[in-house]
């Protein structure tokens, strides 16, 4: 379980993350949380 954090995201970033989430849902036919998409995106960009 992760730590709960409140952040403000720009509208354009939310849109891109939601699009990524929708793509993952279509590809896997399973639920994909917004938090999972944000965490994966941050992990990839912080390597």
PDB file of N, CA and C in Angstrom:
ATOM      1  N   UNK A   1       0.845  -1.179   0.000  1.00  0.00           N
ATOM      2  CA  UNK A   1       0.000   0.000   0.000  1.00  0.00           C
ATOM      3  C   UNK A   1       0.885   1.236   0.000  1.00  0.00           C
ATOM      4  N   UNK A   2       0.563   2.171  -0.853  1.00  0.00           N
ATOM      5  CA  UNK A   2       1.353   3.385  -0.962  1.00  0.00           C
ATOM      6  C   UNK A   2       0.880   4.462  -0.004  1.00  0.00           C
ATOM      7  N   UNK A   3       1.546   5.572  -0.057  1.00  0.00           N
ATOM      8  CA  UNK A   3       1.207   6.721   0.777  1.00  0.00           C
ATOM      9  C   UNK A   3       0.258   7.633   0.009  1.00  0.00           C
ATOM     10  N   UNK A   4      -0.765   8.118   0.685  1.00  0.00           N
ATOM     11  CA  UNK A   4      -1.726   9.028   0.057  1.00  0.00           C
ATOM     12  C   UNK A   4      -1.117  10.425  -0.025  1.00  0.00           C
ATOM     13  N   UNK A   5      -1.128  10.990  -1.235  1.00  0.00           N
ATOM     14  CA  UNK A   5      -0.563  12.316  -1.477  1.00  0.00           C
ATOM     15  C   UNK A   5      -1.533  13.093  -2.358  1.00  0.00           C
ATOM     16  N   UNK A   6      -1.742  14.355  -2.035  1.00  0.00           N
ATOM     17  CA  UNK A   6      -2.600  15.210  -2.851  1.00  0.00           C
ATOM     18  C   UNK A   6      -1.713  16.133  -3.677  1.00  0.00           C
ATOM     19  N   UNK A   7      -1.930  16.132  -5.001  1.00  0.00           N
ATOM     20  CA  UNK A   7      -1.167  17.011  -5.892  1.00  0.00           C
ATOM     21  C   UNK A   7      -2.116  17.682  -6.873  1.00  0.00           C
ATOM     22  N   UNK A   8      -1.666  18.764  -7.462  1.00  0.00           N
ATOM     23  CA  UNK A   8      -2.427  19.455  -8.503  1.00  0.00           C
ATOM     24  C   UNK A   8      -1.760  19.158  -9.840  1.00  0.00           C
ATOM     25  N   UNK A   9      -2.542  18.653 -10.797  1.00  0.00           N
ATOM     26  CA  UNK A   9      -2.030  18.350 -12.129  1.00  0.00           C
ATOM     27  C   UNK A   9      -2.662  19.296 -13.141  1.00  0.00           C
ATOM     28  N   UNK A  10      -1.874  19.715 -14.117  1.00  0.00           N
ATOM     29  CA  UNK A  10      -2.412  20.527 -15.202  1.00  0.00           C
ATOM     30  C   UNK A  10      -3.411  19.700 -15.998  1.00  0.00           C
ATOM     31  N   UNK A  11      -4.410  20.380 -16.547  1.00  0.00           N
ATOM     32  CA  UNK A  11      -5.464  19.697 -17.303  1.00  0.00           C
ATOM     33  C   UNK A  11      -4.911  18.860 -18.450  1.00  0.00           C
ATOM     34  N   UNK A  12      -3.888  19.374 -19.142  1.00  0.00           N
ATOM     35  CA  UNK A  12      -3.338  18.629 -20.275  1.00  0.00           C
ATOM     36  C   UNK A  12      -2.654  17.338 -19.822  1.00  0.00           C
ATOM     37  N   UNK A  13      -2.054  17.344 -18.629  1.00  0.00           N
ATOM     38  CA  UNK A  13      -1.431  16.128 -18.099  1.00  0.00           C
ATOM     39  C   UNK A  13      -2.483  15.101 -17.700  1.00  0.00           C
ATOM     40  N   UNK A  14      -3.557  15.567 -17.092  1.00  0.00           N
ATOM     41  CA  UNK A  14      -4.644  14.660 -16.709  1.00  0.00           C
ATOM     42  C   UNK A  14      -5.223  14.004 -17.955  1.00  0.00           C
ATOM     43  N   UNK A  15      -5.397  14.789 -19.006  1.00  0.00           N
ATOM     44  CA  UNK A  15      -5.945  14.249 -20.254  1.00  0.00           C
ATOM     45  C   UNK A  15      -5.044  13.149 -20.813  1.00  0.00           C
ATOM     46  N   UNK A  16      -3.737  13.400 -20.852  1.00  0.00           N
ATOM     47  CA  UNK A  16      -2.793  12.405 -21.374  1.00  0.00           C
ATOM     48  C   UNK A  16      -2.778  11.150 -20.510  1.00  0.00           C
ATOM     49  N   UNK A  17      -2.815  11.326 -19.195  1.00  0.00           N
ATOM     50  CA  UNK A  17      -2.824  10.175 -18.292  1.00  0.00           C
ATOM     51  C   UNK A  17      -4.114   9.371 -18.437  1.00  0.00           C
ATOM     52  N   UNK A  18      -5.243  10.050 -18.589  1.00  0.00           N
ATOM     53  CA  UNK A  18      -6.528   9.358 -18.784  1.00  0.00           C
ATOM     54  C   UNK A  18      -6.537   8.596 -20.108  1.00  0.00           C
ATOM     55  N   UNK A  19      -5.931   9.184 -21.144  1.00  0.00           N
ATOM     56  CA  UNK A  19      -5.838   8.489 -22.435  1.00  0.00           C
ATOM     57  C   UNK A  19      -4.986   7.231 -22.302  1.00  0.00           C
ATOM     58  N   UNK A  20      -3.888   7.341 -21.568  1.00  0.00           N
ATOM     59  CA  UNK A  20      -3.027   6.187 -21.321  1.00  0.00           C
ATOM     60  C   UNK A  20      -3.793   5.118 -20.535  1.00  0.00           C
ATOM     61  N   UNK A  21      -4.564   5.544 -19.556  1.00  0.00           N
ATOM     62  CA  UNK A  21      -5.376   4.629 -18.755  1.00  0.00           C
ATOM     63  C   UNK A  21      -6.394   3.909 -19.641  1.00  0.00           C
ATOM     64  N   UNK A  22      -7.073   4.649 -20.503  1.00  0.00           N
ATOM     65  CA  UNK A  22      -8.069   4.048 -21.394  1.00  0.00           C
ATOM     66  C   UNK A  22      -7.428   3.022 -22.321  1.00  0.00           C
ATOM     67  N   UNK A  23      -6.249   3.337 -22.830  1.00  0.00           N
ATOM     68  CA  UNK A  23      -5.532   2.408 -23.709  1.00  0.00           C
ATOM     69  C   UNK A  23      -5.195   1.114 -22.972  1.00  0.00           C
ATOM     70  N   UNK A  24      -4.707   1.229 -21.743  1.00  0.00           N
ATOM     71  CA  UNK A  24      -4.377   0.043 -20.951  1.00  0.00           C
ATOM     72  C   UNK A  24      -5.618  -0.792 -20.649  1.00  0.00           C
ATOM     73  N   UNK A  25      -6.726  -0.136 -20.369  1.00  0.00           N
ATOM     74  CA  UNK A  25      -7.976  -0.856 -20.093  1.00  0.00           C
ATOM     75  C   UNK A  25      -8.415  -1.628 -21.326  1.00  0.00           C
ATOM     76  N   UNK A  26      -8.323  -1.003 -22.498  1.00  0.00           N
ATOM     77  CA  UNK A  26      -8.707  -1.684 -23.745  1.00  0.00           C
ATOM     78  C   UNK A  26      -7.792  -2.860 -24.038  1.00  0.00           C
ATOM     79  N   UNK A  27      -6.489  -2.675 -23.817  1.00  0.00           N
ATOM     80  CA  UNK A  27      -5.513  -3.728 -24.121  1.00  0.00           C
ATOM     81  C   UNK A  27      -5.636  -4.927 -23.188  1.00  0.00           C
ATOM     82  N   UNK A  28      -5.926  -4.671 -21.928  1.00  0.00           N
ATOM     83  CA  UNK A  28      -5.954  -5.756 -20.948  1.00  0.00           C
ATOM     84  C   UNK A  28      -7.359  -6.254 -20.633  1.00  0.00           C
ATOM     85  N   UNK A  29      -8.375  -5.479 -20.992  1.00  0.00           N
ATOM     86  CA  UNK A  29      -9.774  -5.794 -20.669  1.00  0.00           C
ATOM     87  C   UNK A  29      -9.965  -5.964 -19.158  1.00  0.00           C
ATOM     88  N   UNK A  30      -9.155  -5.242 -18.385  1.00  0.00           N
ATOM     89  CA  UNK A  30      -9.242  -5.273 -16.923  1.00  0.00           C
ATOM     90  C   UNK A  30      -9.246  -3.840 -16.403  1.00  0.00           C
ATOM     91  N   UNK A  31      -9.734  -3.644 -15.188  1.00  0.00           N
ATOM     92  CA  UNK A  31      -9.688  -2.294 -14.611  1.00  0.00           C
ATOM     93  C   UNK A  31      -8.246  -1.838 -14.373  1.00  0.00           C
ATOM     94  N   UNK A  32      -7.982  -0.577 -14.663  1.00  0.00           N
ATOM     95  CA  UNK A  32      -6.660   0.016 -14.425  1.00  0.00           C
ATOM     96  C   UNK A  32      -6.899   1.336 -13.697  1.00  0.00           C
ATOM     97  N   UNK A  33      -6.371   1.458 -12.490  1.00  0.00           N
ATOM     98  CA  UNK A  33      -6.605   2.667 -11.700  1.00  0.00           C
ATOM     99  C   UNK A  33      -5.767   3.839 -12.218  1.00  0.00           C
ATOM    100  N   UNK A  34      -6.285   5.031 -11.979  1.00  0.00           N
ATOM    101  CA  UNK A  34      -5.563   6.243 -12.344  1.00  0.00           C
ATOM    102  C   UNK A  34      -4.245   6.309 -11.571  1.00  0.00           C
ATOM    103  N   UNK A  35      -4.264   5.896 -10.310  1.00  0.00           N
ATOM    104  CA  UNK A  35      -3.046   5.889  -9.488  1.00  0.00           C
ATOM    105  C   UNK A  35      -1.975   4.993 -10.088  1.00  0.00           C
ATOM    106  N   UNK A  36      -2.373   3.846 -10.595  1.00  0.00           N
ATOM    107  CA  UNK A  36      -1.421   2.931 -11.220  1.00  0.00           C
ATOM    108  C   UNK A  36      -0.757   3.595 -12.424  1.00  0.00           C
ATOM    109  N   UNK A  37      -1.540   4.272 -13.238  1.00  0.00           N
ATOM    110  CA  UNK A  37      -1.011   4.947 -14.425  1.00  0.00           C
ATOM    111  C   UNK A  37      -0.039   6.053 -14.013  1.00  0.00           C
ATOM    112  N   UNK A  38      -0.403   6.832 -13.010  1.00  0.00           N
ATOM    113  CA  UNK A  38       0.476   7.908 -12.536  1.00  0.00           C
ATOM    114  C   UNK A  38       1.777   7.323 -11.992  1.00  0.00           C
ATOM    115  N   UNK A  39       1.684   6.281 -11.165  1.00  0.00           N
ATOM    116  CA  UNK A  39       2.884   5.659 -10.592  1.00  0.00           C
ATOM    117  C   UNK A  39       3.797   5.078 -11.663  1.00  0.00           C
ATOM    118  N   UNK A  40       3.240   4.371 -12.633  1.00  0.00           N
ATOM    119  CA  UNK A  40       4.059   3.789 -13.703  1.00  0.00           C
ATOM    120  C   UNK A  40       4.737   4.878 -14.524  1.00  0.00           C
ATOM    121  N   UNK A  41       4.006   5.936 -14.817  1.00  0.00           N
ATOM    122  CA  UNK A  41       4.558   7.039 -15.602  1.00  0.00           C
ATOM    123  C   UNK A  41       5.698   7.721 -14.849  1.00  0.00           C
ATOM    124  N   UNK A  42       5.515   7.952 -13.562  1.00  0.00           N
ATOM    125  CA  UNK A  42       6.576   8.568 -12.754  1.00  0.00           C
ATOM    126  C   UNK A  42       7.796   7.658 -12.651  1.00  0.00           C
ATOM    127  N   UNK A  43       7.570   6.368 -12.460  1.00  0.00           N
ATOM    128  CA  UNK A  43       8.702   5.427 -12.371  1.00  0.00           C
ATOM    129  C   UNK A  43       9.542   5.455 -13.647  1.00  0.00           C
ATOM    130  N   UNK A  44       8.865   5.435 -14.794  1.00  0.00           N
ATOM    131  CA  UNK A  44       9.582   5.438 -16.075  1.00  0.00           C
ATOM    132  C   UNK A  44      10.358   6.735 -16.276  1.00  0.00           C
ATOM    133  N   UNK A  45       9.762   7.852 -15.890  1.00  0.00           N
ATOM    134  CA  UNK A  45      10.416   9.138 -16.141  1.00  0.00           C
ATOM    135  C   UNK A  45      11.520   9.446 -15.126  1.00  0.00           C
ATOM    136  N   UNK A  46      11.508   8.796 -13.971  1.00  0.00           N
ATOM    137  CA  UNK A  46      12.512   9.076 -12.939  1.00  0.00           C
ATOM    138  C   UNK A  46      13.688   8.111 -12.950  1.00  0.00           C
ATOM    139  N   UNK A  47      13.719   7.184 -13.893  1.00  0.00           N
ATOM    140  CA  UNK A  47      14.844   6.240 -13.987  1.00  0.00           C
ATOM    141  C   UNK A  47      16.114   6.936 -14.394  1.00  0.00           C
TER     142      UNK A  47
END
